[in-house]
Amino acid sequence: MGSSPSTPPDPIAPVITALSFLVAPNPSAIGSPPSAPSTWEGSSATDGSLYNVIQPLLNALFGISSLQSVGSAVNTALTDVAKVISTIADKLASLEGSLPSGTSATDIMNGLQSALSLAGTLLPSSAGSAAGSALNSASQLFQTIQNLITAVGGDLATAAAELAQLSQQITALAALF
């Protein structure tokens, strides 16, 4: 008697919880039915208990002329990541109604994973490590999204809401740099 594969843990909820000490999503609850990603994209995260503690330290650190470019680069990177996560949240939220009958989001993620794996296998060595790195990063991203969707029972609206909460938090964190 074989056992069914275990559900992967939700990769996003623990991150949201951990970041809440610095910045908490606003609103904090996803709701039932889940709210649209725009609920978080259109508002700001709430300062957590450690935000006012760490803000002066980071301001002093990245106020040093030799570190200003580092702070700026971190701000830009976090802002860009938040935009990517927000875009994924929006697309996931709209995906539910457009899936072909009998197809799940997990099926789509499995297809993407297979295509990326095949592309990595067929990638000529002359293409360089940047292309391989990009394929690997994309594969990891889709695996994380697939794990999220599986962890929330295939509910794309809940997955999208979690991603939107995380995007809001990362946007707020960018302001620290």
N, C-alpha and C. Protein backbone atom coordinates (compact mmCIF):
# COMPACT_ATOMS: atom_id res chain seq x y z
N MET A 1 0.84 -1.18 0.00
CA MET A 1 0.00 0.00 0.00
C MET A 1 0.88 1.23 0.00
N GLY A 2 0.82 1.96 -1.06
CA GLY A 2 1.61 3.19 -1.17
C GLY A 2 0.89 4.35 -0.51
N SER A 3 1.67 5.26 -0.05
CA SER A 3 1.06 6.45 0.55
C SER A 3 1.01 7.55 -0.50
N SER A 4 0.05 8.41 -0.37
CA SER A 4 -0.06 9.52 -1.31
C SER A 4 1.04 10.52 -1.03
N PRO A 5 1.49 11.20 -2.07
CA PRO A 5 2.55 12.19 -1.84
C PRO A 5 2.05 13.29 -0.91
N SER A 6 2.94 13.75 -0.07
CA SER A 6 2.53 14.79 0.89
C SER A 6 2.44 16.14 0.19
N THR A 7 1.58 16.96 0.72
CA THR A 7 1.42 18.32 0.20
C THR A 7 2.62 19.14 0.63
N PRO A 8 3.25 19.83 -0.32
CA PRO A 8 4.39 20.67 0.08
C PRO A 8 3.90 21.79 0.99
N PRO A 9 4.77 22.24 1.87
CA PRO A 9 4.37 23.35 2.74
C PRO A 9 4.19 24.63 1.92
N ASP A 10 3.36 25.49 2.41
CA ASP A 10 3.13 26.78 1.76
C ASP A 10 4.44 27.57 1.83
N PRO A 11 5.03 27.93 0.68
CA PRO A 11 6.31 28.65 0.71
C PRO A 11 6.18 30.14 0.99
N ILE A 12 4.97 30.69 0.93
CA ILE A 12 4.78 32.13 1.05
C ILE A 12 4.31 32.54 2.45
N ALA A 13 3.36 31.83 3.03
CA ALA A 13 2.80 32.21 4.33
C ALA A 13 3.86 32.38 5.42
N PRO A 14 4.86 31.49 5.53
CA PRO A 14 5.87 31.71 6.57
C PRO A 14 6.70 32.98 6.34
N VAL A 15 6.91 33.34 5.09
CA VAL A 15 7.66 34.56 4.77
C VAL A 15 6.85 35.78 5.18
N ILE A 16 5.55 35.76 4.87
CA ILE A 16 4.66 36.86 5.26
C ILE A 16 4.67 37.03 6.77
N THR A 17 4.58 35.91 7.49
CA THR A 17 4.59 35.95 8.95
C THR A 17 5.91 36.51 9.48
N ALA A 18 7.02 36.03 8.92
CA ALA A 18 8.34 36.49 9.38
C ALA A 18 8.53 37.98 9.11
N LEU A 19 8.09 38.45 7.97
CA LEU A 19 8.24 39.87 7.63
C LEU A 19 7.31 40.77 8.42
N SER A 20 6.26 40.20 9.01
CA SER A 20 5.28 41.00 9.74
C SER A 20 5.86 41.73 10.93
N PHE A 21 7.00 41.28 11.43
CA PHE A 21 7.65 42.00 12.51
C PHE A 21 8.21 43.34 12.02
N LEU A 22 8.50 43.41 10.73
CA LEU A 22 8.97 44.66 10.12
C LEU A 22 7.82 45.40 9.47
N VAL A 23 7.09 44.72 8.60
CA VAL A 23 5.94 45.32 7.91
C VAL A 23 4.87 44.24 7.75
N ALA A 24 3.67 44.53 8.21
CA ALA A 24 2.57 43.58 8.15
C ALA A 24 1.64 43.93 7.00
N PRO A 25 1.13 42.91 6.30
CA PRO A 25 0.21 43.20 5.20
C PRO A 25 -1.04 43.90 5.73
N ASN A 26 -1.57 44.78 4.91
CA ASN A 26 -2.75 45.55 5.27
C ASN A 26 -3.73 45.51 4.10
N PRO A 27 -4.84 44.81 4.22
CA PRO A 27 -5.35 44.10 5.39
C PRO A 27 -4.56 42.82 5.63
N SER A 28 -4.62 42.34 6.88
CA SER A 28 -3.84 41.16 7.25
C SER A 28 -4.53 39.86 6.89
N ALA A 29 -5.84 39.86 6.77
CA ALA A 29 -6.58 38.64 6.46
C ALA A 29 -6.88 38.56 4.97
N ILE A 30 -6.81 37.36 4.44
CA ILE A 30 -7.10 37.14 3.03
C ILE A 30 -8.61 37.12 2.79
N GLY A 31 -9.35 36.58 3.74
CA GLY A 31 -10.80 36.54 3.63
C GLY A 31 -11.30 35.30 2.93
N SER A 32 -12.59 35.11 3.01
CA SER A 32 -13.23 33.98 2.35
C SER A 32 -14.55 34.47 1.77
N PRO A 33 -14.69 34.56 0.49
CA PRO A 33 -13.70 34.22 -0.53
C PRO A 33 -12.52 35.21 -0.48
N PRO A 34 -11.38 34.77 -1.01
CA PRO A 34 -10.19 35.63 -0.98
C PRO A 34 -10.40 36.94 -1.72
N SER A 35 -9.84 38.00 -1.16
CA SER A 35 -9.90 39.30 -1.81
C SER A 35 -8.98 39.31 -3.03
N ALA A 36 -9.27 40.18 -3.96
CA ALA A 36 -8.45 40.32 -5.17
C ALA A 36 -7.08 40.89 -4.81
N PRO A 37 -6.06 40.59 -5.60
CA PRO A 37 -4.73 41.14 -5.34
C PRO A 37 -4.71 42.66 -5.21
N SER A 38 -5.59 43.34 -5.91
CA SER A 38 -5.62 44.81 -5.86
C SER A 38 -5.90 45.33 -4.46
N THR A 39 -6.48 44.50 -3.59
CA THR A 39 -6.73 44.89 -2.21
C THR A 39 -5.43 45.28 -1.52
N TRP A 40 -4.35 44.55 -1.81
CA TRP A 40 -3.05 44.84 -1.19
C TRP A 40 -2.20 45.75 -2.07
N GLU A 41 -2.35 45.62 -3.36
CA GLU A 41 -1.55 46.43 -4.27
C GLU A 41 -1.91 47.91 -4.17
N GLY A 42 -3.11 48.19 -3.74
CA GLY A 42 -3.55 49.57 -3.66
C GLY A 42 -3.39 50.22 -2.30
N SER A 43 -2.78 49.51 -1.37
CA SER A 43 -2.59 50.10 -0.03
C SER A 43 -1.19 49.79 0.47
N SER A 44 -0.86 50.35 1.61
CA SER A 44 0.49 50.20 2.17
C SER A 44 0.49 49.23 3.33
N ALA A 45 1.61 48.54 3.50
CA ALA A 45 1.77 47.65 4.64
C ALA A 45 1.85 48.49 5.92
N THR A 46 1.49 47.87 7.02
CA THR A 46 1.54 48.52 8.32
C THR A 46 2.90 48.27 8.96
N ASP A 47 3.49 49.32 9.52
CA ASP A 47 4.77 49.15 10.20
C ASP A 47 4.62 48.13 11.33
N GLY A 48 5.53 47.16 11.36
CA GLY A 48 5.54 46.16 12.42
C GLY A 48 6.31 46.66 13.63
N SER A 49 6.41 45.81 14.63
CA SER A 49 7.04 46.20 15.89
C SER A 49 8.52 46.52 15.75
N LEU A 50 9.20 45.99 14.76
CA LEU A 50 10.64 46.25 14.61
C LEU A 50 10.97 47.32 13.58
N TYR A 51 9.99 47.79 12.83
CA TYR A 51 10.26 48.76 11.76
C TYR A 51 10.94 50.02 12.31
N ASN A 52 10.35 50.60 13.34
CA ASN A 52 10.90 51.85 13.90
C ASN A 52 12.22 51.63 14.63
N VAL A 53 12.52 50.39 14.95
CA VAL A 53 13.80 50.07 15.59
C VAL A 53 14.91 50.00 14.54
N ILE A 54 14.60 49.36 13.41
CA ILE A 54 15.64 49.14 12.40
C ILE A 54 15.78 50.32 11.43
N GLN A 55 14.75 51.11 11.26
CA GLN A 55 14.80 52.22 10.31
C GLN A 55 15.95 53.20 10.58
N PRO A 56 16.14 53.70 11.82
CA PRO A 56 17.26 54.63 12.04
C PRO A 56 18.63 54.00 11.77
N LEU A 57 18.76 52.72 12.10
CA LEU A 57 20.02 52.03 11.86
C LEU A 57 20.31 51.96 10.36
N LEU A 58 19.33 51.54 9.58
CA LEU A 58 19.54 51.44 8.13
C LEU A 58 19.74 52.82 7.50
N ASN A 59 19.01 53.81 7.98
CA ASN A 59 19.20 55.18 7.47
C ASN A 59 20.63 55.66 7.72
N ALA A 60 21.15 55.38 8.92
CA ALA A 60 22.52 55.79 9.23
C ALA A 60 23.53 55.01 8.39
N LEU A 61 23.31 53.73 8.26
CA LEU A 61 24.22 52.87 7.51
C LEU A 61 24.27 53.26 6.04
N PHE A 62 23.10 53.37 5.42
CA PHE A 62 23.07 53.67 3.99
C PHE A 62 23.14 55.17 3.70
N GLY A 63 23.25 55.96 4.76
CA GLY A 63 23.51 57.39 4.60
C GLY A 63 24.99 57.67 4.43
N ILE A 64 25.83 56.70 4.74
CA ILE A 64 27.27 56.83 4.53
C ILE A 64 27.52 56.87 3.02
N SER A 65 28.25 57.85 2.57
CA SER A 65 28.39 58.08 1.13
C SER A 65 28.87 56.84 0.37
N SER A 66 29.77 56.07 0.94
CA SER A 66 30.28 54.90 0.23
C SER A 66 29.27 53.75 0.18
N LEU A 67 28.20 53.81 0.97
CA LEU A 67 27.18 52.76 0.97
C LEU A 67 25.87 53.19 0.34
N GLN A 68 25.77 54.45 -0.07
CA GLN A 68 24.51 54.93 -0.66
C GLN A 68 24.14 54.16 -1.91
N SER A 69 25.11 53.81 -2.72
CA SER A 69 24.80 53.07 -3.96
C SER A 69 24.30 51.66 -3.63
N VAL A 70 24.81 51.08 -2.55
CA VAL A 70 24.35 49.76 -2.13
C VAL A 70 22.88 49.84 -1.69
N GLY A 71 22.57 50.83 -0.87
CA GLY A 71 21.18 51.02 -0.44
C GLY A 71 20.25 51.25 -1.61
N SER A 72 20.70 52.04 -2.55
CA SER A 72 19.90 52.31 -3.75
C SER A 72 19.68 51.04 -4.57
N ALA A 73 20.73 50.22 -4.69
CA ALA A 73 20.62 48.96 -5.44
C ALA A 73 19.66 48.00 -4.75
N VAL A 74 19.71 47.93 -3.42
CA VAL A 74 18.79 47.06 -2.68
C VAL A 74 17.35 47.56 -2.86
N ASN A 75 17.15 48.86 -2.77
CA ASN A 75 15.82 49.44 -2.98
C ASN A 75 15.29 49.08 -4.36
N THR A 76 16.11 49.26 -5.38
CA THR A 76 15.70 48.94 -6.76
C THR A 76 15.38 47.46 -6.91
N ALA A 77 16.23 46.59 -6.36
CA ALA A 77 16.00 45.15 -6.46
C ALA A 77 14.70 44.75 -5.78
N LEU A 78 14.47 45.25 -4.57
CA LEU A 78 13.23 44.93 -3.85
C LEU A 78 12.01 45.46 -4.58
N THR A 79 12.10 46.66 -5.12
CA THR A 79 10.99 47.24 -5.87
C THR A 79 10.69 46.40 -7.11
N ASP A 80 11.73 45.98 -7.82
CA ASP A 80 11.53 45.14 -9.01
C ASP A 80 10.92 43.79 -8.65
N VAL A 81 11.40 43.18 -7.58
CA VAL A 81 10.86 41.89 -7.15
C VAL A 81 9.39 42.04 -6.76
N ALA A 82 9.06 43.11 -6.05
CA ALA A 82 7.66 43.33 -5.66
C ALA A 82 6.77 43.47 -6.89
N LYS A 83 7.27 44.14 -7.93
CA LYS A 83 6.48 44.28 -9.16
C LYS A 83 6.26 42.94 -9.83
N VAL A 84 7.28 42.10 -9.86
CA VAL A 84 7.15 40.76 -10.46
C VAL A 84 6.13 39.94 -9.69
N ILE A 85 6.24 39.95 -8.37
CA ILE A 85 5.30 39.18 -7.54
C ILE A 85 3.88 39.70 -7.73
N SER A 86 3.72 41.00 -7.79
CA SER A 86 2.40 41.60 -8.00
C SER A 86 1.82 41.18 -9.36
N THR A 87 2.65 41.18 -10.37
CA THR A 87 2.20 40.77 -11.70
C THR A 87 1.77 39.31 -11.71
N ILE A 88 2.55 38.46 -11.05
CA ILE A 88 2.19 37.04 -10.96
C ILE A 88 0.87 36.89 -10.21
N ALA A 89 0.70 37.64 -9.13
CA ALA A 89 -0.56 37.58 -8.36
C ALA A 89 -1.74 37.94 -9.24
N ASP A 90 -1.61 39.01 -10.00
CA ASP A 90 -2.70 39.44 -10.88
C ASP A 90 -3.03 38.37 -11.92
N LYS A 91 -1.99 37.79 -12.50
CA LYS A 91 -2.20 36.77 -13.53
C LYS A 91 -2.81 35.50 -12.94
N LEU A 92 -2.36 35.10 -11.75
CA LEU A 92 -2.95 33.93 -11.11
C LEU A 92 -4.42 34.15 -10.82
N ALA A 93 -4.76 35.33 -10.34
CA ALA A 93 -6.15 35.63 -10.00
C ALA A 93 -7.05 35.53 -11.23
N SER A 94 -6.53 35.90 -12.39
CA SER A 94 -7.35 35.86 -13.61
C SER A 94 -7.28 34.52 -14.33
N LEU A 95 -6.39 33.64 -13.91
CA LEU A 95 -6.19 32.36 -14.58
C LEU A 95 -7.34 31.39 -14.35
N GLU A 96 -7.93 31.43 -13.18
CA GLU A 96 -8.97 30.46 -12.80
C GLU A 96 -10.06 30.31 -13.86
N GLY A 97 -10.59 31.40 -14.32
CA GLY A 97 -11.70 31.33 -15.28
C GLY A 97 -11.27 30.99 -16.70
N SER A 98 -9.99 30.99 -16.97
CA SER A 98 -9.54 30.76 -18.35
C SER A 98 -8.88 29.41 -18.55
N LEU A 99 -8.86 28.56 -17.53
CA LEU A 99 -8.27 27.23 -17.68
C LEU A 99 -9.19 26.34 -18.51
N PRO A 100 -8.64 25.57 -19.42
CA PRO A 100 -9.48 24.63 -20.18
C PRO A 100 -10.14 23.62 -19.24
N SER A 101 -11.29 23.16 -19.61
CA SER A 101 -12.03 22.20 -18.79
C SER A 101 -11.15 20.98 -18.50
N GLY A 102 -11.14 20.57 -17.25
CA GLY A 102 -10.36 19.41 -16.85
C GLY A 102 -8.88 19.69 -16.60
N THR A 103 -8.49 20.96 -16.70
CA THR A 103 -7.09 21.34 -16.49
C THR A 103 -6.98 22.14 -15.21
N SER A 104 -5.93 21.87 -14.47
CA SER A 104 -5.69 22.62 -13.24
C SER A 104 -4.44 23.47 -13.39
N ALA A 105 -4.29 24.40 -12.50
CA ALA A 105 -3.09 25.23 -12.50
C ALA A 105 -1.86 24.37 -12.27
N THR A 106 -2.00 23.30 -11.50
CA THR A 106 -0.89 22.39 -11.27
C THR A 106 -0.46 21.74 -12.58
N ASP A 107 -1.43 21.39 -13.43
CA ASP A 107 -1.09 20.83 -14.75
C ASP A 107 -0.25 21.81 -15.56
N ILE A 108 -0.63 23.08 -15.50
CA ILE A 108 0.10 24.10 -16.25
C ILE A 108 1.51 24.26 -15.69
N MET A 109 1.63 24.29 -14.37
CA MET A 109 2.95 24.43 -13.76
C MET A 109 3.83 23.22 -14.08
N ASN A 110 3.23 22.02 -14.08
CA ASN A 110 3.99 20.82 -14.45
C ASN A 110 4.48 20.93 -15.89
N GLY A 111 3.63 21.43 -16.78
CA GLY A 111 4.02 21.61 -18.18
C GLY A 111 5.17 22.60 -18.32
N LEU A 112 5.07 23.71 -17.58
CA LEU A 112 6.15 24.71 -17.61
C LEU A 112 7.46 24.12 -17.08
N GLN A 113 7.36 23.37 -15.98
CA GLN A 113 8.55 22.75 -15.41
C GLN A 113 9.20 21.79 -16.42
N SER A 114 8.37 21.01 -17.11
CA SER A 114 8.89 20.06 -18.11
C SER A 114 9.56 20.80 -19.26
N ALA A 115 8.93 21.87 -19.72
CA ALA A 115 9.51 22.64 -20.82
C ALA A 115 10.84 23.26 -20.43
N LEU A 116 10.92 23.81 -19.22
CA LEU A 116 12.17 24.41 -18.76
C LEU A 116 13.26 23.35 -18.58
N SER A 117 12.88 22.20 -18.09
CA SER A 117 13.85 21.12 -17.91
C SER A 117 14.39 20.66 -19.26
N LEU A 118 13.50 20.50 -20.22
CA LEU A 118 13.92 20.11 -21.56
C LEU A 118 14.81 21.17 -22.18
N ALA A 119 14.44 22.43 -22.03
CA ALA A 119 15.25 23.53 -22.57
C ALA A 119 16.64 23.52 -21.95
N GLY A 120 16.72 23.25 -20.65
CA GLY A 120 18.02 23.19 -19.98
C GLY A 120 18.87 22.04 -20.49
N THR A 121 18.21 20.93 -20.79
CA THR A 121 18.92 19.77 -21.32
C THR A 121 19.44 20.03 -22.73
N LEU A 122 18.67 20.74 -23.52
CA LEU A 122 19.03 20.99 -24.92
C LEU A 122 19.90 22.22 -25.11
N LEU A 123 20.09 23.00 -24.06
CA LEU A 123 20.85 24.24 -24.16
C LEU A 123 22.30 23.93 -24.54
N PRO A 124 22.75 24.47 -25.65
CA PRO A 124 24.15 24.22 -26.03
C PRO A 124 25.10 24.91 -25.05
N SER A 125 26.23 24.29 -24.82
CA SER A 125 27.19 24.84 -23.87
C SER A 125 27.68 26.22 -24.32
N SER A 126 27.61 26.49 -25.62
CA SER A 126 28.05 27.79 -26.12
C SER A 126 27.09 28.92 -25.72
N ALA A 127 25.89 28.56 -25.23
CA ALA A 127 24.92 29.57 -24.83
C ALA A 127 25.36 30.28 -23.55
N GLY A 128 26.26 29.68 -22.83
CA GLY A 128 26.81 30.33 -21.63
C GLY A 128 26.02 30.04 -20.38
N SER A 129 26.63 30.40 -19.27
CA SER A 129 26.02 30.12 -17.97
C SER A 129 24.85 31.05 -17.65
N ALA A 130 24.81 32.22 -18.28
CA ALA A 130 23.71 33.15 -18.01
C ALA A 130 22.38 32.54 -18.45
N ALA A 131 22.36 31.90 -19.60
CA ALA A 131 21.12 31.28 -20.08
C ALA A 131 20.72 30.12 -19.17
N GLY A 132 21.69 29.32 -18.77
CA GLY A 132 21.39 28.22 -17.86
C GLY A 132 20.90 28.72 -16.51
N SER A 133 21.50 29.80 -16.04
CA SER A 133 21.09 30.39 -14.77
C SER A 133 19.66 30.93 -14.88
N ALA A 134 19.34 31.55 -16.00
CA ALA A 134 17.98 32.08 -16.20
C ALA A 134 16.96 30.95 -16.22
N LEU A 135 17.29 29.86 -16.90
CA LEU A 135 16.38 28.71 -16.93
C LEU A 135 16.20 28.12 -15.52
N ASN A 136 17.28 28.04 -14.78
CA ASN A 136 17.22 27.51 -13.43
C ASN A 136 16.38 28.41 -12.52
N SER A 137 16.56 29.71 -12.64
CA SER A 137 15.77 30.66 -11.84
C SER A 137 14.29 30.57 -12.18
N ALA A 138 13.99 30.49 -13.46
CA ALA A 138 12.59 30.37 -13.88
C ALA A 138 11.98 29.07 -13.36
N SER A 139 12.75 28.01 -13.43
CA SER A 139 12.27 26.72 -12.93
C SER A 139 11.98 26.79 -11.43
N GLN A 140 12.87 27.42 -10.68
CA GLN A 140 12.65 27.57 -9.24
C GLN A 140 11.42 28.42 -8.94
N LEU A 141 11.23 29.48 -9.72
CA LEU A 141 10.05 30.34 -9.54
C LEU A 141 8.78 29.55 -9.77
N PHE A 142 8.71 28.80 -10.89
CA PHE A 142 7.50 28.03 -11.17
C PHE A 142 7.29 26.92 -10.15
N GLN A 143 8.38 26.35 -9.63
CA GLN A 143 8.24 25.33 -8.59
C GLN A 143 7.65 25.94 -7.32
N THR A 144 8.11 27.12 -6.96
CA THR A 144 7.58 27.80 -5.77
C THR A 144 6.10 28.12 -5.96
N ILE A 145 5.72 28.60 -7.13
CA ILE A 145 4.31 28.90 -7.40
C ILE A 145 3.49 27.63 -7.36
N GLN A 146 4.02 26.56 -7.95
CA GLN A 146 3.32 25.29 -7.93
C GLN A 146 3.14 24.80 -6.49
N ASN A 147 4.18 24.91 -5.67
CA ASN A 147 4.06 24.50 -4.26
C ASN A 147 3.02 25.34 -3.53
N LEU A 148 2.98 26.64 -3.82
CA LEU A 148 1.98 27.51 -3.21
C LEU A 148 0.57 27.07 -3.60
N ILE A 149 0.36 26.86 -4.89
CA ILE A 149 -0.97 26.46 -5.37
C ILE A 149 -1.39 25.14 -4.75
N THR A 150 -0.46 24.19 -4.68
CA THR A 150 -0.77 22.89 -4.07
C THR A 150 -1.08 23.05 -2.59
N ALA A 151 -0.29 23.87 -1.89
CA ALA A 151 -0.47 24.06 -0.45
C ALA A 151 -1.81 24.68 -0.11
N VAL A 152 -2.34 25.52 -1.00
CA VAL A 152 -3.64 26.16 -0.72
C VAL A 152 -4.78 25.40 -1.39
N GLY A 153 -4.53 24.14 -1.71
CA GLY A 153 -5.58 23.28 -2.26
C GLY A 153 -6.01 23.64 -3.66
N GLY A 154 -5.14 24.25 -4.44
CA GLY A 154 -5.47 24.60 -5.82
C GLY A 154 -6.28 25.87 -5.95
N ASP A 155 -6.51 26.56 -4.86
CA ASP A 155 -7.31 27.79 -4.88
C ASP A 155 -6.45 28.96 -5.38
N LEU A 156 -6.60 29.28 -6.65
CA LEU A 156 -5.77 30.32 -7.26
C LEU A 156 -6.02 31.69 -6.65
N ALA A 157 -7.23 31.96 -6.21
CA ALA A 157 -7.53 33.25 -5.60
C ALA A 157 -6.77 33.41 -4.28
N THR A 158 -6.67 32.34 -3.50
CA THR A 158 -5.92 32.40 -2.25
C THR A 158 -4.43 32.55 -2.53
N ALA A 159 -3.93 31.80 -3.50
CA ALA A 159 -2.52 31.91 -3.88
C ALA A 159 -2.20 33.33 -4.34
N ALA A 160 -3.08 33.90 -5.16
CA ALA A 160 -2.88 35.26 -5.65
C ALA A 160 -2.90 36.27 -4.51
N ALA A 161 -3.80 36.08 -3.56
CA ALA A 161 -3.89 37.00 -2.42
C ALA A 161 -2.62 36.93 -1.57
N GLU A 162 -2.10 35.73 -1.35
CA GLU A 162 -0.85 35.60 -0.58
C GLU A 162 0.29 36.32 -1.28
N LEU A 163 0.39 36.13 -2.58
CA LEU A 163 1.45 36.79 -3.34
C LEU A 163 1.30 38.31 -3.27
N ALA A 164 0.07 38.80 -3.34
CA ALA A 164 -0.17 40.24 -3.28
C ALA A 164 0.22 40.79 -1.90
N GLN A 165 -0.07 40.03 -0.85
CA GLN A 165 0.37 40.45 0.49
C GLN A 165 1.89 40.56 0.55
N LEU A 166 2.58 39.55 0.02
CA LEU A 166 4.04 39.55 0.03
C LEU A 166 4.59 40.72 -0.79
N SER A 167 3.99 40.99 -1.93
CA SER A 167 4.43 42.11 -2.76
C SER A 167 4.30 43.43 -2.00
N GLN A 168 3.19 43.59 -1.28
CA GLN A 168 2.99 44.81 -0.49
C GLN A 168 4.06 44.94 0.58
N GLN A 169 4.39 43.84 1.23
CA GLN A 169 5.42 43.88 2.27
C GLN A 169 6.78 44.23 1.70
N ILE A 170 7.13 43.63 0.57
CA ILE A 170 8.44 43.90 -0.03
C ILE A 170 8.53 45.33 -0.50
N THR A 171 7.43 45.87 -1.02
CA THR A 171 7.40 47.28 -1.42
C THR A 171 7.69 48.17 -0.22
N ALA A 172 7.08 47.86 0.91
CA ALA A 172 7.31 48.65 2.12
C ALA A 172 8.75 48.50 2.62
N LEU A 173 9.30 47.32 2.51
CA LEU A 173 10.70 47.10 2.94
C LEU A 173 11.68 47.87 2.09
N ALA A 174 11.37 48.04 0.81
CA ALA A 174 12.27 48.78 -0.10
C ALA A 174 12.50 50.18 0.41
N ALA A 175 11.50 50.75 1.08
CA ALA A 175 11.63 52.13 1.58
C ALA A 175 12.68 52.24 2.69
N LEU A 176 13.07 51.14 3.28
CA LEU A 176 14.09 51.16 4.33
C LEU A 176 15.48 51.41 3.76
N PHE A 177 15.65 51.25 2.45
CA PHE A 177 16.98 51.35 1.84
C PHE A 177 17.14 52.57 0.98
